[in-house]
């Protein structure tokens, strides 16, 4: 049974910070991990990804502000979000390669002006 639990979201003012966590259970192996976000009426988009080698990629709008990291032993991925902007408002989800069909409930991030 695969379960992904995202947490750490909340309501913050523009310029604030949040640290999201995604704890996974039922996942084996070493996988690339990513964070995605989705707003109403929009497709879920990749925000950040960390490969098995540790290399990272970021959506252009979050470069320099967000940082993805992981704890392999815990099958946990984090997203540190700094200098948040209202356009970052979305539900944030994590996902693991090899388990792309599994998503958690997401965690809501709301950034006020």
Protein backbone atom coordinates (compact mmCIF):
# COMPACT_ATOMS: atom_id res chain seq x y z
CA UNK A 1 0.00 0.00 0.00
CA UNK A 2 1.47 3.29 -1.14
CA UNK A 3 0.67 6.40 0.78
CA UNK A 4 1.97 9.91 0.31
CA UNK A 5 1.24 12.51 2.94
CA UNK A 6 2.02 16.12 2.18
CA UNK A 7 2.16 18.62 4.98
CA UNK A 8 3.48 22.03 5.87
CA UNK A 9 1.20 24.23 3.85
CA UNK A 10 -0.63 27.17 5.22
CA UNK A 11 -1.51 30.79 4.82
CA UNK A 12 1.39 33.21 4.64
CA UNK A 13 1.96 36.75 3.56
CA UNK A 14 3.92 37.54 0.45
CA UNK A 15 7.59 37.33 1.20
CA UNK A 16 7.11 34.65 3.81
CA UNK A 17 8.40 31.12 3.90
CA UNK A 18 7.06 27.62 4.25
CA UNK A 19 8.67 24.22 4.34
CA UNK A 20 6.65 21.41 2.85
CA UNK A 21 7.20 17.77 3.67
CA UNK A 22 6.07 14.63 1.94
CA UNK A 23 6.32 11.39 3.84
CA UNK A 24 5.92 8.25 1.80
CA UNK A 25 5.15 4.74 2.90
CA UNK A 26 4.93 1.57 0.89
CA UNK A 27 7.59 2.74 -1.54
CA UNK A 28 10.70 0.71 -2.16
CA UNK A 29 13.87 1.50 -3.99
CA UNK A 30 15.57 4.78 -4.69
CA UNK A 31 13.51 7.13 -6.77
CA UNK A 32 13.58 10.57 -8.19
CA UNK A 33 11.17 12.77 -6.30
CA UNK A 34 9.27 15.84 -7.23
CA UNK A 35 6.91 18.51 -6.10
CA UNK A 36 3.97 19.60 -8.20
CA UNK A 37 1.28 22.17 -7.79
CA UNK A 38 -2.17 22.71 -9.13
CA UNK A 39 -4.63 25.57 -9.10
CA UNK A 40 -8.33 25.28 -9.93
CA UNK A 41 -8.85 24.77 -13.63
CA UNK A 42 -5.16 24.24 -14.27
CA UNK A 43 -3.01 21.25 -15.01
CA UNK A 44 -0.75 19.94 -12.34
CA UNK A 45 2.69 21.32 -13.05
CA UNK A 46 6.14 20.35 -11.95
CA UNK A 47 7.63 22.77 -9.45
CA UNK A 48 10.84 21.02 -8.48
CA UNK A 49 12.46 17.67 -8.97
CA UNK A 50 15.45 15.91 -7.50
CA UNK A 51 16.96 12.99 -9.35
CA UNK A 52 18.56 9.89 -7.91
CA UNK A 53 21.93 11.55 -8.48
CA UNK A 54 20.85 14.59 -6.50
CA UNK A 55 20.56 16.94 -9.42
CA UNK A 56 17.66 19.33 -9.27
CA UNK A 57 15.45 21.20 -11.66
CA UNK A 58 13.00 23.97 -10.94
CA UNK A 59 10.16 25.63 -12.68
CA UNK A 60 11.42 28.97 -13.86
CA UNK A 61 9.20 31.07 -11.65
CA UNK A 62 10.50 29.46 -8.46
CA UNK A 63 14.20 29.38 -9.23
CA UNK A 64 16.19 31.05 -6.52
CA UNK A 65 13.27 30.91 -4.13
CA UNK A 66 12.47 27.22 -3.69
CA UNK A 67 14.77 24.37 -2.80
CA UNK A 68 14.00 20.69 -2.95
CA UNK A 69 15.75 18.22 -0.71
CA UNK A 70 15.26 14.67 0.43
CA UNK A 71 15.90 12.09 3.09
CA UNK A 72 16.32 8.84 1.21
CA UNK A 73 16.18 6.64 4.28
CA UNK A 74 12.84 8.10 5.23
CA UNK A 75 11.48 8.28 1.69
CA UNK A 76 10.74 11.88 2.42
CA UNK A 77 11.05 14.89 0.18
CA UNK A 78 10.97 18.51 1.26
CA UNK A 79 10.34 21.78 -0.42
CA UNK A 80 11.68 24.91 1.20
CA UNK A 81 9.79 27.88 -0.16
CA UNK A 82 11.13 31.35 0.46
CA UNK A 83 10.00 34.76 -0.70
CA UNK A 84 6.58 33.41 -1.48
CA UNK A 85 4.42 35.24 -3.95
CA UNK A 86 0.65 35.24 -4.42
CA UNK A 87 1.10 33.36 -7.68
CA UNK A 88 2.57 30.47 -5.69
CA UNK A 89 -0.87 29.83 -4.24
CA UNK A 90 -1.84 26.29 -5.12
CA UNK A 91 -2.25 22.82 -3.77
CA UNK A 92 1.16 21.19 -3.63
CA UNK A 93 1.66 17.49 -4.22
CA UNK A 94 4.63 15.20 -4.13
CA UNK A 95 5.33 12.28 -6.41
CA UNK A 96 7.94 9.59 -6.74
CA UNK A 97 9.27 8.02 -9.91
CA UNK A 98 8.01 4.49 -10.28
CA UNK A 99 4.87 5.45 -8.42
CA UNK A 100 3.57 8.14 -10.71
CA UNK A 101 -0.01 6.99 -10.32
CA UNK A 102 0.02 7.68 -6.61
CA UNK A 103 -0.73 11.08 -5.16
CA UNK A 104 -1.47 12.29 -1.70
CA UNK A 105 -4.15 14.70 -0.67
CA UNK A 106 -1.85 17.64 -1.24
CA UNK A 107 -1.19 20.55 1.03
CA UNK A 108 -2.67 23.96 0.43
CA UNK A 109 -0.36 26.92 0.15
CA UNK A 110 -2.02 30.29 0.15
CA UNK A 111 0.01 33.45 -0.20
CA UNK A 112 -1.72 36.71 0.52
CA UNK A 113 -0.75 40.03 -1.01
